[in-house]
């Protein structure tokens, strides 16, 4: 099972048949084309001549995948999105379990946690900030 980064790891060379994995101006994801020009050292970008005969320049490397790898890329991206959603839900559930639900206890500082704009700040960080302000004379 390949990941999206593995499928897009190598730079493309002139003549490579590719498909878009992101929408760009004038073309939808899945559109087919061929690399006409490859540019860049740190930012890889390409001129792609699409099947309709038009060429579009400065297409980012991450917006393209080899034509034969397109289906595997779509499956891998879907799998990665599902995994990311599961991780986010687990982190949210863990954060909700760790956050005290009694608003009076949170506001009074009885738990050592302070909540500002819905964000819980540990007392240790508040103490460090207070000590830094004293040190700097602020």
Protein backbone atom coordinates (compact mmCIF):
# COMPACT_ATOMS: atom_id res chain seq x y z
CA UNK A 1 0.00 0.00 0.00
CA UNK A 2 1.53 3.27 -1.13
CA UNK A 3 1.12 6.67 0.44
CA UNK A 4 0.52 9.87 -1.47
CA UNK A 5 4.05 11.09 -0.74
CA UNK A 6 5.57 7.88 -2.11
CA UNK A 7 3.58 8.22 -5.32
CA UNK A 8 4.77 11.82 -5.77
CA UNK A 9 8.36 11.38 -4.54
CA UNK A 10 10.30 11.51 -7.81
CA UNK A 11 10.36 14.58 -10.03
CA UNK A 12 8.82 14.22 -13.47
CA UNK A 13 10.86 14.50 -16.66
CA UNK A 14 9.84 15.89 -20.02
CA UNK A 15 7.39 13.58 -21.79
CA UNK A 16 5.98 11.95 -18.63
CA UNK A 17 2.22 11.40 -18.88
CA UNK A 18 0.51 12.86 -15.81
CA UNK A 19 -2.90 13.58 -14.29
CA UNK A 20 -3.97 16.44 -12.06
CA UNK A 21 -4.84 15.59 -8.45
CA UNK A 22 -6.01 19.13 -7.67
CA UNK A 23 -8.21 21.54 -9.58
CA UNK A 24 -6.36 24.36 -11.33
CA UNK A 25 -7.68 27.28 -13.35
CA UNK A 26 -9.42 25.82 -16.39
CA UNK A 27 -8.85 22.13 -15.54
CA UNK A 28 -10.40 19.76 -13.03
CA UNK A 29 -8.64 17.08 -11.02
CA UNK A 30 -8.18 13.96 -13.13
CA UNK A 31 -7.36 15.86 -16.34
CA UNK A 32 -4.62 14.17 -18.39
CA UNK A 33 -1.57 15.79 -19.90
CA UNK A 34 2.12 15.43 -20.67
CA UNK A 35 5.08 17.27 -19.10
CA UNK A 36 6.41 19.81 -21.61
CA UNK A 37 8.95 21.57 -19.36
CA UNK A 38 10.26 20.75 -15.88
CA UNK A 39 11.55 23.71 -13.78
CA UNK A 40 12.94 24.34 -10.35
CA UNK A 41 15.39 23.07 -7.78
CA UNK A 42 13.64 23.66 -4.49
CA UNK A 43 10.14 24.28 -5.88
CA UNK A 44 9.43 21.77 -8.61
CA UNK A 45 6.94 23.07 -11.15
CA UNK A 46 5.98 22.06 -14.64
CA UNK A 47 4.52 23.17 -17.93
CA UNK A 48 1.89 20.60 -18.83
CA UNK A 49 0.36 20.18 -22.30
CA UNK A 50 -3.14 18.83 -21.75
CA UNK A 51 -5.06 16.50 -24.05
CA UNK A 52 -6.97 19.46 -25.52
CA UNK A 53 -3.66 20.86 -26.84
CA UNK A 54 -3.35 23.79 -24.41
CA UNK A 55 -0.28 24.19 -22.23
CA UNK A 56 -0.40 25.51 -18.66
CA UNK A 57 2.71 26.58 -16.77
CA UNK A 58 3.84 26.71 -13.16
CA UNK A 59 1.87 23.68 -12.01
CA UNK A 60 3.19 22.57 -8.64
CA UNK A 61 4.72 19.09 -8.35
CA UNK A 62 2.19 18.12 -5.68
CA UNK A 63 -0.71 18.85 -8.03
CA UNK A 64 0.40 16.06 -10.41
CA UNK A 65 0.83 12.30 -10.36
CA UNK A 66 1.89 9.85 -13.05
CA UNK A 67 -1.05 8.76 -15.16
CA UNK A 68 -0.70 5.09 -14.15
CA UNK A 69 -0.53 5.95 -10.43
CA UNK A 70 -3.67 8.12 -10.38
CA UNK A 71 -6.10 5.47 -9.06
CA UNK A 72 -3.65 4.36 -6.35
CA UNK A 73 -3.13 8.02 -5.38
CA UNK A 74 -6.86 8.66 -5.03
CA UNK A 75 -7.26 5.56 -2.83
CA UNK A 76 -4.24 6.49 -0.69
CA UNK A 77 -5.48 10.06 -0.24
CA UNK A 78 -8.90 8.80 0.85
CA UNK A 79 -7.29 6.37 3.30
CA UNK A 80 -5.08 9.14 4.72
CA UNK A 81 -8.08 11.44 5.18
CA UNK A 82 -9.95 8.73 7.10
CA UNK A 83 -6.89 8.09 9.31
CA UNK A 84 -6.43 11.82 9.95
CA UNK A 85 -10.09 12.14 10.94
CA UNK A 86 -9.75 9.23 13.38
CA UNK A 87 -6.64 10.77 14.95
CA UNK A 88 -8.35 14.17 15.28
CA UNK A 89 -11.43 12.61 16.87
CA UNK A 90 -9.26 10.64 19.32
CA UNK A 91 -7.31 13.79 20.26
CA UNK A 92 -10.55 15.72 20.75
CA UNK A 93 -11.99 12.97 22.94
CA UNK A 94 -8.77 12.87 24.98
CA UNK A 95 -8.79 16.65 25.40
CA UNK A 96 -12.43 16.62 26.50
CA UNK A 97 -11.67 13.91 29.07
CA UNK A 98 -8.74 15.92 30.45
CA UNK A 99 -10.63 19.23 30.64
CA UNK A 100 -12.58 19.81 33.84
CA UNK A 101 -16.28 20.23 33.17
CA UNK A 102 -17.08 22.26 36.28
CA UNK A 103 -16.75 25.90 35.13
CA UNK A 104 -16.61 27.15 38.72
CA UNK A 105 -13.56 25.00 39.44
CA UNK A 106 -11.86 26.19 36.25
CA UNK A 107 -12.53 29.87 36.95
CA UNK A 108 -11.38 29.66 40.56
CA UNK A 109 -8.08 28.00 39.65
CA UNK A 110 -8.80 25.10 41.99
CA UNK A 111 -7.46 22.63 39.45
CA UNK A 112 -4.32 24.65 38.57
CA UNK A 113 -5.75 25.33 35.10
CA UNK A 114 -7.04 28.62 33.76
CA UNK A 115 -9.33 28.88 30.79
CA UNK A 116 -8.97 31.90 28.50
CA UNK A 117 -11.23 32.21 25.44
CA UNK A 118 -12.03 28.50 25.65
CA UNK A 119 -8.34 27.46 25.77
CA UNK A 120 -7.00 25.77 28.89
CA UNK A 121 -3.65 27.17 30.02
CA UNK A 122 -1.60 25.15 32.55
CA UNK A 123 -0.65 27.01 35.73
CA UNK A 124 3.03 26.24 35.12
CA UNK A 125 2.98 28.38 31.95
CA UNK A 126 1.25 31.22 33.77
CA UNK A 127 3.90 31.10 36.51
CA UNK A 128 6.73 31.13 33.96
CA UNK A 129 5.17 34.13 32.21
CA UNK A 130 4.76 36.00 35.50
CA UNK A 131 8.40 35.31 36.45
CA UNK A 132 9.59 36.55 33.04
CA UNK A 133 7.60 39.77 33.39
CA UNK A 134 9.15 40.38 36.83
CA UNK A 135 12.62 39.66 35.47
CA UNK A 136 12.14 42.13 32.60
CA UNK A 137 10.53 44.75 34.82
CA UNK A 138 7.30 44.75 32.85
